[in-house]
N, C-alpha and C. Protein backbone atom coordinates (compact mmCIF):
# COMPACT_ATOMS: atom_id res chain seq x y z
N PRO A 1 1.18 -1.15 0.05
CA PRO A 1 -0.59 -0.20 -0.17
C PRO A 1 0.89 1.09 -0.54
N PRO A 2 0.37 2.11 -0.45
CA PRO A 2 1.15 3.47 -0.40
C PRO A 2 1.65 3.74 0.48
N PRO A 3 2.80 4.48 1.31
CA PRO A 3 2.99 5.24 2.24
C PRO A 3 2.28 5.97 3.30
N HIS A 4 1.60 6.80 2.68
CA HIS A 4 0.05 7.62 3.80
C HIS A 4 -0.96 6.53 3.88
N ASN A 5 -0.68 4.91 3.43
CA ASN A 5 -1.44 4.08 3.72
C ASN A 5 -2.56 4.33 5.73
N PRO A 6 -3.29 4.74 5.38
CA PRO A 6 -3.53 4.27 7.80
C PRO A 6 -3.14 2.68 7.59
N PRO A 7 -2.30 2.61 9.01
CA PRO A 7 -2.16 0.60 8.78
C PRO A 7 -3.30 0.39 9.55
N ARG A 8 -2.94 -0.92 8.87
CA ARG A 8 -4.78 -1.93 9.65
C ARG A 8 -4.33 -2.55 10.93
N SER A 9 -5.24 -3.30 11.46
CA SER A 9 -5.02 -3.25 12.54
C SER A 9 -6.24 -4.01 13.10
N PRO A 10 -5.98 -5.65 14.28
CA PRO A 10 -7.43 -6.10 14.53
C PRO A 10 -8.66 -5.52 15.03
N ASN A 11 -9.78 -5.55 14.60
CA ASN A 11 -11.22 -4.73 14.13
C ASN A 11 -11.96 -4.70 15.99
N PRO A 12 -11.51 -4.19 16.87
CA PRO A 12 -11.97 -4.60 18.04
C PRO A 12 -13.52 -4.65 17.87
N CYS A 13 -14.21 -4.27 16.14
CA CYS A 13 -15.87 -3.94 16.74
C CYS A 13 -16.65 -5.07 16.16
N VAL A 14 -16.56 -6.25 16.85
CA VAL A 14 -17.02 -7.59 16.33
C VAL A 14 -18.01 -7.49 15.34
N ASP A 15 -19.04 -6.98 15.16
CA ASP A 15 -19.86 -6.26 14.45
C ASP A 15 -19.99 -6.03 12.96
N THR A 16 -18.43 -6.06 12.61
CA THR A 16 -18.03 -5.48 11.67
C THR A 16 -17.67 -6.68 10.58
N ARG A 17 -17.28 -8.05 11.25
CA ARG A 17 -17.11 -8.97 10.72
C ARG A 17 -18.20 -10.00 9.79
N GLY A 18 -17.02 -9.82 8.37
CA GLY A 18 -17.32 -10.00 6.87
C GLY A 18 -18.55 -8.80 6.07
N ASN A 19 -17.88 -7.65 6.61
CA ASN A 19 -19.18 -7.02 6.33
C ASN A 19 -18.23 -6.06 5.13
N THR A 20 -18.58 -5.56 4.08
CA THR A 20 -17.95 -5.31 3.02
C THR A 20 -16.61 -4.39 3.06
N PHE A 21 -17.15 -3.46 3.96
CA PHE A 21 -16.45 -2.26 4.74
C PHE A 21 -15.69 -2.59 5.65
N HIS A 22 -15.25 -3.57 5.41
CA HIS A 22 -14.21 -4.98 6.78
C HIS A 22 -12.95 -4.02 7.04
N VAL A 23 -12.56 -3.17 6.05
CA VAL A 23 -11.40 -2.75 5.66
C VAL A 23 -11.05 -1.17 5.88
N ALA A 24 -11.98 -0.44 6.21
CA ALA A 24 -11.74 0.61 6.25
C ALA A 24 -12.15 1.15 7.58
N SER A 25 -13.29 -0.36 8.47
CA SER A 25 -13.07 -0.01 9.56
C SER A 25 -12.28 0.12 10.82
N PRO A 26 -11.72 -1.10 10.78
CA PRO A 26 -10.21 -1.29 11.38
C PRO A 26 -9.44 -1.01 11.05
N SER A 27 -8.88 0.42 10.12
CA SER A 27 -7.81 1.20 9.32
C SER A 27 -7.46 2.20 10.25
N LEU A 28 -9.44 3.21 10.45
CA LEU A 28 -9.32 3.87 11.28
C LEU A 28 -9.44 4.01 12.46
N ASN A 29 -9.82 2.62 13.01
CA ASN A 29 -10.35 2.55 14.67
C ASN A 29 -8.80 2.74 15.50
N CYS A 30 -7.97 1.95 14.47
CA CYS A 30 -6.65 2.11 15.01
C CYS A 30 -5.85 3.11 15.23
N ARG A 31 -6.44 4.34 14.14
CA ARG A 31 -5.96 5.79 14.47
C ARG A 31 -6.98 6.78 15.34
N GLY A 32 -7.93 5.81 15.56
CA GLY A 32 -8.71 6.62 17.20
C GLY A 32 -10.20 6.98 16.29
N VAL A 33 -9.53 7.30 15.00
CA VAL A 33 -10.86 8.07 14.36
C VAL A 33 -12.02 7.18 14.31
N VAL A 34 -12.44 6.15 13.82
CA VAL A 34 -14.23 5.25 14.77
C VAL A 34 -14.14 4.75 15.81
N ASN A 35 -15.46 4.36 16.72
CA ASN A 35 -14.99 3.72 17.59
C ASN A 35 -16.44 3.14 17.63
N GLY A 36 -16.88 2.53 19.08
CA GLY A 36 -17.98 2.02 18.31
C GLY A 36 -19.14 2.29 19.15
N THR A 37 -20.54 2.40 19.37
CA THR A 37 -21.05 3.23 19.43
C THR A 37 -21.33 2.72 21.12
N ASP A 38 -21.00 1.51 21.63
CA ASP A 38 -20.70 1.36 23.17
C ASP A 38 -19.04 0.37 23.67
N ALA A 39 -19.06 0.22 23.96
CA ALA A 39 -17.93 -1.30 24.16
C ALA A 39 -17.44 -1.96 22.92
N THR A 40 -18.01 -2.68 22.41
CA THR A 40 -17.48 -3.59 21.33
C THR A 40 -18.53 -3.36 19.95
N PRO A 41 -20.30 -3.20 19.97
CA PRO A 41 -20.23 -3.22 18.48
C PRO A 41 -20.18 -1.37 18.13
N TYR A 42 -19.65 -1.77 16.78
CA TYR A 42 -20.05 -0.15 15.65
C TYR A 42 -20.70 0.19 14.57
N SER A 43 -21.47 -1.25 14.90
CA SER A 43 -23.33 -0.52 14.23
C SER A 43 -22.75 -0.29 12.46
N PRO A 44 -21.90 -1.30 11.70
CA PRO A 44 -22.05 -0.63 10.79
C PRO A 44 -23.32 -0.63 10.26
N ALA A 45 -24.58 -1.14 10.32
CA ALA A 45 -25.79 -0.61 9.28
C ALA A 45 -26.15 0.14 9.66
N GLY A 46 -25.74 1.28 11.08
CA GLY A 46 -26.96 1.74 11.39
C GLY A 46 -26.66 3.15 10.09
N THR A 47 -27.52 4.44 11.03
CA THR A 47 -27.44 5.47 10.53
C THR A 47 -26.45 6.31 10.85
N ALA A 48 -25.10 6.82 10.25
CA ALA A 48 -24.16 8.17 10.33
C ALA A 48 -24.67 9.01 11.02
N THR A 49 -24.56 10.03 12.08
CA THR A 49 -25.35 11.18 12.41
C THR A 49 -24.21 12.39 11.98
N ARG A 50 -24.31 13.40 12.01
CA ARG A 50 -23.56 14.05 11.58
C ARG A 50 -22.44 14.48 13.18
N GLY A 51 -22.60 14.62 13.66
CA GLY A 51 -22.53 14.48 14.35
C GLY A 51 -21.19 12.98 14.31
N GLN A 52 -21.29 11.89 14.15
CA GLN A 52 -20.18 11.12 14.18
C GLN A 52 -19.60 11.45 12.72
N PHE A 53 -19.70 11.72 11.75
CA PHE A 53 -19.23 12.86 10.80
C PHE A 53 -18.11 13.37 11.42
N ALA A 54 -18.62 14.05 12.02
CA ALA A 54 -17.42 15.52 12.72
C ALA A 54 -16.16 14.54 12.71
N LYS A 55 -15.71 13.38 14.09
CA LYS A 55 -15.30 13.33 14.49
C LYS A 55 -14.68 12.75 13.28
N VAL A 56 -15.37 11.57 12.88
CA VAL A 56 -14.95 10.63 11.95
C VAL A 56 -14.11 11.64 10.40
N VAL A 57 -14.63 12.78 10.62
CA VAL A 57 -13.53 13.02 9.23
C VAL A 57 -12.81 15.04 10.06
N VAL A 58 -12.69 15.27 10.96
CA VAL A 58 -11.86 15.93 11.61
C VAL A 58 -10.62 15.24 12.41
N LEU A 59 -11.01 14.28 12.93
CA LEU A 59 -9.82 13.62 12.84
C LEU A 59 -9.14 12.57 12.14
N GLY A 60 -9.51 11.78 10.60
CA GLY A 60 -8.95 11.55 10.55
C GLY A 60 -8.59 11.95 9.30
N PHE A 61 -8.65 13.10 8.52
CA PHE A 61 -7.95 14.01 7.62
C PHE A 61 -7.27 14.75 8.67
N GLY A 62 -6.77 14.87 10.28
CA GLY A 62 -5.88 15.87 11.35
C GLY A 62 -6.19 17.07 11.10
N THR A 63 -7.53 17.57 11.08
CA THR A 63 -7.78 18.67 10.86
C THR A 63 -7.35 19.40 11.71
N PRO A 64 -6.35 20.21 12.05
CA PRO A 64 -6.68 20.99 13.75
C PRO A 64 -7.70 20.91 14.73
N PHE A 65 -7.72 20.90 15.91
CA PHE A 65 -8.43 21.13 17.07
C PHE A 65 -8.60 22.68 17.42
N TYR A 66 -9.80 22.61 17.25
CA TYR A 66 -9.95 24.50 18.10
C TYR A 66 -10.86 24.39 19.12
N THR A 67 -11.47 25.53 19.73
CA THR A 67 -11.58 25.51 21.38
C THR A 67 -12.54 26.55 21.17
N PRO A 68 -13.60 27.37 20.66
CA PRO A 68 -14.01 28.43 20.43
C PRO A 68 -14.22 28.93 22.23
N ALA A 69 -13.99 30.11 22.37
CA ALA A 69 -14.45 31.02 23.99
C ALA A 69 -15.91 30.71 23.78
N THR A 70 -16.67 30.25 23.42
CA THR A 70 -18.44 29.89 23.18
C THR A 70 -18.53 29.22 21.99
N GLN A 71 -19.29 28.42 22.26
CA GLN A 71 -20.24 27.60 21.24
C GLN A 71 -20.49 28.65 20.68
N ASP A 72 -19.78 27.46 19.09
CA ASP A 72 -20.86 28.07 18.28
C ASP A 72 -22.87 27.81 17.22
N PHE A 73 -23.11 26.91 17.89
CA PHE A 73 -23.93 26.18 18.14
C PHE A 73 -25.38 26.10 19.28
N VAL A 74 -26.49 26.88 19.19
CA VAL A 74 -27.01 26.12 20.55
C VAL A 74 -27.61 25.01 20.52
N ASP A 75 -27.29 23.05 20.27
CA ASP A 75 -27.80 22.72 20.32
C ASP A 75 -26.32 21.55 20.01
N VAL A 76 -25.25 22.21 20.15
CA VAL A 76 -23.92 21.49 20.28
C VAL A 76 -23.35 22.08 21.95
N PRO A 77 -23.43 22.25 22.67
CA PRO A 77 -22.62 22.25 24.03
C PRO A 77 -21.84 21.88 24.15
N PRO A 78 -20.29 22.36 24.89
CA PRO A 78 -19.35 21.90 24.99
C PRO A 78 -19.27 20.61 26.21
N SER A 79 -20.96 19.57 26.55
CA SER A 79 -21.47 18.79 27.11
C SER A 79 -21.46 17.39 26.00
N TYR A 80 -21.90 17.79 24.83
CA TYR A 80 -21.52 16.64 23.24
C TYR A 80 -20.74 16.35 23.26
N PHE A 81 -20.41 15.18 22.88
CA PHE A 81 -19.36 13.69 22.81
C PHE A 81 -18.76 14.57 21.69
N ALA A 82 -19.06 15.49 20.43
CA ALA A 82 -18.33 15.75 18.69
C ALA A 82 -17.96 16.88 19.46
N TYR A 83 -18.53 17.91 20.01
CA TYR A 83 -18.42 19.05 20.74
C TYR A 83 -16.60 19.86 19.85
N LEU A 84 -15.64 19.09 20.29
CA LEU A 84 -14.67 19.35 19.29
C LEU A 84 -14.59 19.40 18.09
N TYR A 85 -14.72 18.25 17.14
CA TYR A 85 -14.41 18.11 16.53
C TYR A 85 -15.69 19.04 15.21
N ILE A 86 -16.87 19.29 16.19
CA ILE A 86 -17.64 20.04 15.18
C ILE A 86 -16.79 21.62 14.55
N GLU A 87 -16.76 21.57 16.16
CA GLU A 87 -16.03 23.29 16.56
C GLU A 87 -15.07 23.24 15.78
N SER A 88 -14.08 22.69 15.93
CA SER A 88 -13.08 22.43 14.98
C SER A 88 -13.47 22.23 13.36
N GLY A 89 -14.03 21.43 12.94
CA GLY A 89 -14.63 21.16 11.60
C GLY A 89 -15.23 22.53 11.01
N TYR A 90 -15.91 23.21 11.69
CA TYR A 90 -16.67 24.53 11.78
C TYR A 90 -15.55 26.02 10.92
N HIS A 91 -15.03 25.88 12.23
CA HIS A 91 -13.45 26.46 12.05
C HIS A 91 -12.30 26.21 11.01
N ALA A 92 -12.31 24.97 10.47
CA ALA A 92 -11.83 24.87 9.48
C ALA A 92 -12.34 24.69 8.25
N GLY A 93 -13.83 25.50 8.16
CA GLY A 93 -14.78 25.54 6.58
C GLY A 93 -15.12 24.20 6.84
N ILE A 94 -14.76 22.97 6.87
CA ILE A 94 -15.70 22.07 6.21
C ILE A 94 -17.03 21.53 6.08
N LEU A 95 -17.10 22.12 7.39
CA LEU A 95 -18.96 21.85 8.45
C LEU A 95 -19.25 22.72 8.52
N SER A 96 -20.47 23.28 8.75
CA SER A 96 -21.08 24.29 8.19
C SER A 96 -22.58 23.91 9.15
N GLY A 97 -23.04 24.84 9.57
CA GLY A 97 -24.71 25.10 10.44
C GLY A 97 -25.67 25.21 9.53
N PHE A 98 -26.24 25.13 9.78
CA PHE A 98 -28.19 25.54 9.61
C PHE A 98 -28.88 26.81 9.29
N ASP A 99 -29.36 27.61 8.28
CA ASP A 99 -29.68 28.73 8.27
C ASP A 99 -31.34 28.63 9.22
N ALA A 100 -31.85 30.06 10.00
CA ALA A 100 -32.29 29.74 9.98
C ALA A 100 -33.61 29.71 9.74
N ALA A 101 -34.37 29.43 8.93
CA ALA A 101 -34.85 28.68 8.68
C ALA A 101 -35.15 27.12 9.11
N SER A 102 -34.33 25.93 8.51
CA SER A 102 -34.12 24.84 8.41
C SER A 102 -34.14 24.94 10.07
N CYS A 103 -33.51 25.36 11.50
CA CYS A 103 -33.04 25.39 12.25
C CYS A 103 -34.77 24.86 12.75
N ALA A 104 -35.31 26.26 12.43
CA ALA A 104 -37.01 26.44 13.18
C ALA A 104 -38.08 25.54 12.53
N ALA A 105 -37.17 24.19 11.39
CA ALA A 105 -38.80 23.31 10.96
C ALA A 105 -37.82 22.11 11.56
N HIS A 106 -36.72 22.01 12.82
CA HIS A 106 -36.26 21.12 13.44
C HIS A 106 -36.08 21.23 14.99
N GLY A 107 -37.49 22.14 14.69
CA GLY A 107 -37.38 22.56 16.58
C GLY A 107 -36.01 23.58 17.17
N GLN A 108 -35.49 24.11 16.68
CA GLN A 108 -34.24 24.63 17.42
C GLN A 108 -33.48 25.74 16.71
N ILE A 109 -33.67 26.72 17.77
CA ILE A 109 -32.88 28.20 17.85
C ILE A 109 -31.87 28.43 17.00
N TYR A 110 -31.41 29.05 15.38
CA TYR A 110 -30.76 29.49 15.26
C TYR A 110 -29.37 30.18 15.56
N PRO A 111 -27.87 30.00 15.83
CA PRO A 111 -27.56 28.99 14.91
C PRO A 111 -27.56 27.62 15.34
N CYS A 112 -28.27 26.92 14.99
CA CYS A 112 -28.09 25.49 15.05
C CYS A 112 -27.27 24.64 13.82
N TYR A 113 -26.89 23.16 14.74
CA TYR A 113 -25.80 22.03 13.59
C TYR A 113 -26.45 21.02 13.64
N LEU A 114 -28.03 20.51 14.40
CA LEU A 114 -28.40 19.61 14.31
C LEU A 114 -27.73 18.54 14.20
N PRO A 115 -26.78 17.78 15.62
CA PRO A 115 -25.18 17.06 15.55
C PRO A 115 -26.32 15.82 15.13
N ASN A 116 -27.51 15.48 15.32
CA ASN A 116 -28.24 13.87 15.32
C ASN A 116 -28.84 13.55 14.11
N LEU A 117 -28.52 14.64 13.38
CA LEU A 117 -29.60 14.75 11.69
C LEU A 117 -28.85 13.99 11.23
N PRO A 118 -29.55 12.45 10.56
CA PRO A 118 -28.61 11.60 9.75
C PRO A 118 -27.84 12.39 8.81
N ILE A 119 -27.09 12.05 8.07
CA ILE A 119 -26.63 12.50 7.01
C ILE A 119 -25.54 12.17 5.66
N THR A 120 -26.51 12.90 4.37
CA THR A 120 -26.57 11.62 3.28
C THR A 120 -25.19 11.32 2.44
N ARG A 121 -25.55 10.59 1.57
CA ARG A 121 -24.23 10.59 0.86
C ARG A 121 -24.03 11.60 0.09
N GLY A 122 -24.88 12.46 -0.36
CA GLY A 122 -24.06 13.62 -1.23
C GLY A 122 -23.82 14.47 -0.64
N GLN A 123 -24.55 15.06 1.03
CA GLN A 123 -23.92 15.66 2.07
C GLN A 123 -21.90 15.14 2.46
N LEU A 124 -22.08 14.39 2.30
CA LEU A 124 -21.06 13.05 3.16
C LEU A 124 -20.40 13.06 2.11
N THR A 125 -20.64 13.18 1.05
CA THR A 125 -18.93 13.26 -0.56
C THR A 125 -18.12 15.13 -0.43
N LYS A 126 -19.52 15.82 -0.30
CA LYS A 126 -19.16 17.39 -0.40
C LYS A 126 -17.97 17.74 0.68
N LEU A 127 -18.54 16.88 1.82
CA LEU A 127 -17.33 17.59 3.19
C LEU A 127 -16.08 15.95 3.11
N VAL A 128 -15.59 15.19 2.26
CA VAL A 128 -14.93 15.03 1.85
C VAL A 128 -13.87 15.39 1.59
N VAL A 129 -14.79 15.65 -0.11
CA VAL A 129 -13.50 16.17 -0.69
C VAL A 129 -13.23 17.94 -0.41
N ASN A 130 -13.95 18.17 0.13
CA ASN A 130 -13.42 19.72 1.11
C ASN A 130 -12.85 19.30 1.72
N ALA A 131 -12.50 18.53 3.09
CA ALA A 131 -11.55 18.21 3.73
C ALA A 131 -10.70 17.75 3.55
N GLY A 132 -10.44 16.40 2.33
CA GLY A 132 -9.19 16.07 1.68
C GLY A 132 -8.48 17.05 0.58
N GLY A 133 -8.93 18.20 0.61
CA GLY A 133 -8.26 19.53 -0.25
C GLY A 133 -8.15 18.73 -1.89
N TYR A 134 -8.80 18.12 -2.49
CA TYR A 134 -9.55 18.03 -3.80
C TYR A 134 -9.48 18.96 -4.76
N THR A 135 -8.38 18.71 -5.92
CA THR A 135 -9.41 19.85 -6.86
C THR A 135 -10.15 19.46 -7.63
N LEU A 136 -11.53 20.62 -7.80
CA LEU A 136 -12.99 19.91 -8.11
C LEU A 136 -12.85 20.00 -9.67
N LEU A 137 -13.52 19.04 -9.26
CA LEU A 137 -13.29 18.33 -11.35
C LEU A 137 -14.89 18.43 -11.81
N THR A 138 -15.22 19.27 -13.11
CA THR A 138 -15.86 18.96 -13.92
C THR A 138 -15.76 18.33 -14.58
N PRO A 139 -16.10 17.30 -15.31
CA PRO A 139 -16.75 16.65 -16.48
C PRO A 139 -16.68 16.75 -17.17
N ILE A 140 -15.92 17.02 -18.57
CA ILE A 140 -16.05 17.50 -20.02
C ILE A 140 -17.51 17.69 -20.53
N GLY A 141 -17.75 18.65 -21.04
CA GLY A 141 -19.20 18.83 -21.57
C GLY A 141 -20.10 18.80 -19.96
N GLY A 142 -19.90 18.60 -19.47
CA GLY A 142 -20.88 18.75 -18.72
C GLY A 142 -21.89 16.79 -18.36
N THR A 143 -20.93 16.27 -18.96
CA THR A 143 -21.39 14.55 -19.38
C THR A 143 -21.64 14.27 -17.43
N GLN A 144 -22.32 13.47 -17.31
CA GLN A 144 -22.50 13.33 -15.78
C GLN A 144 -22.47 11.67 -15.33
N ASP A 145 -21.77 10.60 -14.83
CA ASP A 145 -21.76 9.45 -14.12
C ASP A 145 -22.36 9.21 -13.59
N PHE A 146 -23.49 9.28 -13.04
CA PHE A 146 -24.56 8.85 -12.18
C PHE A 146 -25.61 9.56 -12.77
N ILE A 147 -26.69 8.13 -13.15
CA ILE A 147 -28.82 8.72 -13.45
C ILE A 147 -28.66 9.73 -13.17
N ASP A 148 -28.70 9.67 -11.45
CA ASP A 148 -29.02 10.78 -10.46
C ASP A 148 -28.87 11.88 -9.87
N VAL A 149 -27.34 12.18 -10.52
CA VAL A 149 -26.71 13.00 -10.54
C VAL A 149 -26.66 14.20 -11.09
N PRO A 150 -27.40 14.81 -12.26
CA PRO A 150 -27.05 15.32 -13.08
C PRO A 150 -25.80 16.83 -12.94
N PRO A 151 -26.30 17.55 -13.42
CA PRO A 151 -24.87 18.47 -13.64
C PRO A 151 -25.89 19.48 -12.70
N SER A 152 -27.20 19.72 -13.19
CA SER A 152 -28.59 20.60 -11.72
C SER A 152 -28.10 20.53 -10.26
N ASN A 153 -27.54 18.75 -10.00
CA ASN A 153 -27.16 18.34 -8.19
C ASN A 153 -26.17 19.90 -7.40
N VAL A 154 -26.98 19.69 -6.94
CA VAL A 154 -26.16 21.16 -5.91
C VAL A 154 -24.65 19.84 -5.43
N PHE A 155 -24.54 18.13 -5.60
CA PHE A 155 -23.49 17.93 -5.48
C PHE A 155 -22.56 17.43 -6.36
N PHE A 156 -23.35 17.69 -7.68
CA PHE A 156 -22.23 16.97 -8.98
C PHE A 156 -21.20 17.23 -8.86
N VAL A 157 -20.66 18.55 -9.40
CA VAL A 157 -19.22 18.84 -8.86
C VAL A 157 -17.89 17.53 -7.76
N SER A 158 -18.56 17.71 -6.64
CA SER A 158 -18.44 17.15 -5.84
C SER A 158 -18.45 15.12 -6.15
N ILE A 159 -20.00 14.75 -6.30
CA ILE A 159 -19.87 13.67 -6.30
C ILE A 159 -18.85 12.91 -7.77
N GLU A 160 -18.52 14.15 -8.28
CA GLU A 160 -18.18 13.95 -9.71
C GLU A 160 -16.52 14.12 -9.83
N THR A 161 -15.90 14.77 -8.45
CA THR A 161 -14.74 14.99 -8.25
C THR A 161 -13.87 13.49 -7.25
N ALA A 162 -14.99 13.20 -5.92
CA ALA A 162 -14.75 11.20 -5.56
C ALA A 162 -15.08 11.03 -6.20
N TYR A 163 -15.72 10.18 -6.87
CA TYR A 163 -15.80 10.30 -8.22
C TYR A 163 -14.14 9.28 -8.95
N HIS A 164 -13.91 10.27 -9.59
CA HIS A 164 -13.32 10.27 -10.63
C HIS A 164 -11.15 10.47 -9.30
N ASN A 165 -11.42 11.03 -8.59
CA ASN A 165 -10.46 10.48 -7.64
C ASN A 165 -10.09 9.24 -6.46
N GLY A 166 -11.50 8.41 -6.98
CA GLY A 166 -11.81 6.91 -6.67
C GLY A 166 -12.58 6.37 -4.87
N ILE A 167 -13.02 7.87 -4.53
CA ILE A 167 -13.28 7.90 -3.70
C ILE A 167 -14.48 6.91 -4.01
N ILE A 168 -15.45 7.46 -4.08
CA ILE A 168 -16.66 6.94 -4.17
C ILE A 168 -17.25 6.08 -5.57
N ASN A 169 -18.03 5.22 -5.55
CA ASN A 169 -18.37 4.56 -6.20
C ASN A 169 -20.41 4.35 -6.55
N GLY A 170 -21.04 3.89 -7.31
CA GLY A 170 -22.11 3.74 -7.08
C GLY A 170 -23.49 2.46 -6.71
N TYR A 171 -24.23 1.86 -7.13
CA TYR A 171 -24.89 1.23 -7.66
C TYR A 171 -25.57 1.15 -8.14
N PRO A 172 -25.28 -0.55 -8.57
CA PRO A 172 -26.05 -1.04 -9.54
C PRO A 172 -26.95 0.37 -11.03
N GLY A 173 -26.77 0.09 -11.76
CA GLY A 173 -27.69 1.09 -12.97
C GLY A 173 -27.25 1.72 -13.10
N GLY A 174 -26.03 2.46 -12.41
CA GLY A 174 -25.93 3.37 -12.80
C GLY A 174 -26.00 4.76 -11.49
N TYR A 175 -26.75 4.05 -10.67
CA TYR A 175 -27.15 5.22 -9.87
C TYR A 175 -26.20 5.56 -8.49
N PHE A 176 -25.82 7.00 -8.05
CA PHE A 176 -25.03 6.91 -6.69
C PHE A 176 -26.36 7.05 -5.10
N LEU A 177 -27.58 7.80 -5.22
CA LEU A 177 -28.37 7.69 -4.25
C LEU A 177 -27.89 8.76 -3.37
N PRO A 178 -27.68 9.98 -4.24
CA PRO A 178 -27.48 11.39 -3.45
C PRO A 178 -28.45 11.24 -1.92
N ASN A 179 -29.62 11.30 -2.04
CA ASN A 179 -30.34 12.07 -0.65
C ASN A 179 -30.47 10.85 -0.24
N GLN A 180 -29.94 9.67 -0.10
CA GLN A 180 -29.59 8.61 0.99
C GLN A 180 -29.35 8.92 2.07
N ASN A 181 -29.58 8.43 3.39
CA ASN A 181 -29.00 8.03 4.47
C ASN A 181 -27.69 7.44 4.18
N ILE A 182 -26.47 7.62 4.79
CA ILE A 182 -25.22 7.12 4.59
C ILE A 182 -25.44 6.15 6.35
N ARG A 183 -25.14 4.87 5.82
CA ARG A 183 -24.71 3.56 7.08
C ARG A 183 -23.61 4.11 7.41
N ARG A 184 -22.70 3.87 8.34
CA ARG A 184 -21.56 4.16 9.25
C ARG A 184 -20.47 3.87 8.65
N ASP A 185 -20.52 2.00 7.76
CA ASP A 185 -20.19 1.29 7.27
C ASP A 185 -19.67 2.29 5.84
N GLN A 186 -20.32 3.00 5.53
CA GLN A 186 -20.36 3.64 4.15
C GLN A 186 -19.85 4.50 4.89
N MET A 187 -19.43 5.29 5.88
CA MET A 187 -19.14 6.55 5.82
C MET A 187 -17.63 6.47 6.04
N ALA A 188 -17.86 4.89 6.63
CA ALA A 188 -15.89 4.97 7.22
C ALA A 188 -15.22 4.82 5.93
N GLN A 189 -16.03 3.27 5.36
CA GLN A 189 -15.56 3.55 3.31
C GLN A 189 -15.18 4.76 2.83
N ILE A 190 -16.07 5.69 3.01
CA ILE A 190 -15.96 6.98 2.32
C ILE A 190 -14.97 8.08 2.63
N VAL A 191 -14.41 8.22 4.14
CA VAL A 191 -13.55 8.44 4.91
C VAL A 191 -12.38 8.38 4.09
N TYR A 192 -12.31 7.18 3.88
CA TYR A 192 -10.43 6.20 4.25
C TYR A 192 -10.39 6.29 2.86
N GLU A 193 -11.16 6.75 2.08
CA GLU A 193 -10.55 6.14 0.70
C GLU A 193 -10.46 7.85 0.41
N GLY A 194 -10.71 8.78 0.69
CA GLY A 194 -10.33 9.71 0.86
C GLY A 194 -9.13 10.49 1.37
N ILE A 195 -8.76 9.60 2.64
CA ILE A 195 -7.12 9.72 2.85
C ILE A 195 -6.45 9.31 2.03
N ILE A 196 -7.09 8.22 1.77
CA ILE A 196 -5.38 7.31 1.01
C ILE A 196 -5.89 7.91 -0.20
N HIS A 197 -6.57 8.24 -1.01
CA HIS A 197 -6.18 8.46 -2.26
C HIS A 197 -5.92 10.62 -2.15
N ARG A 198 -6.26 11.30 -1.35
CA ARG A 198 -6.12 12.61 -1.80
C ARG A 198 -4.79 12.95 -1.90
N PRO A 199 -4.47 14.45 -2.59
CA PRO A 199 -3.41 14.60 -3.42
C PRO A 199 -2.25 15.02 -2.22
């Protein structure tokens, strides 16, 4: 493997055995990037949240830690498990919160981050591309690689960039499913690929 490839280690998350993404989870785990939702289970099929992703992407890409004098999001107090990672990602320009209307729609006061909200495949791909510092790629002539991600899609450039850098793949039939909530094992795999392929 390339020299910047995260080392592999025995996987303490027993329920990822036999999972398609078994390589990524232990590789990130031994770097302290991912761990179980409790003492042992990683819950690979569980939905990944915005809070969980903040921890994975900040640790995975080595984003400098940042602790503000006061919290930036009303729904992410210093006691929240991912507080340091959300604040660090936010101040590095990788993560962002929601606008006032979206906060209100979820019963929160602005500014909010909604850390327990599931993160979608499109959202996560964009953030991994940003965190990795990839040069954005627009296919020649605007030709799309996925049926459900046309040039008009807000994540089109990020998804095309990730695809052409070997970070992500789609589903049979040429679909990417950008609005589908991402699973924790898929999150680990995409972040892992983003780390090992970054420029």
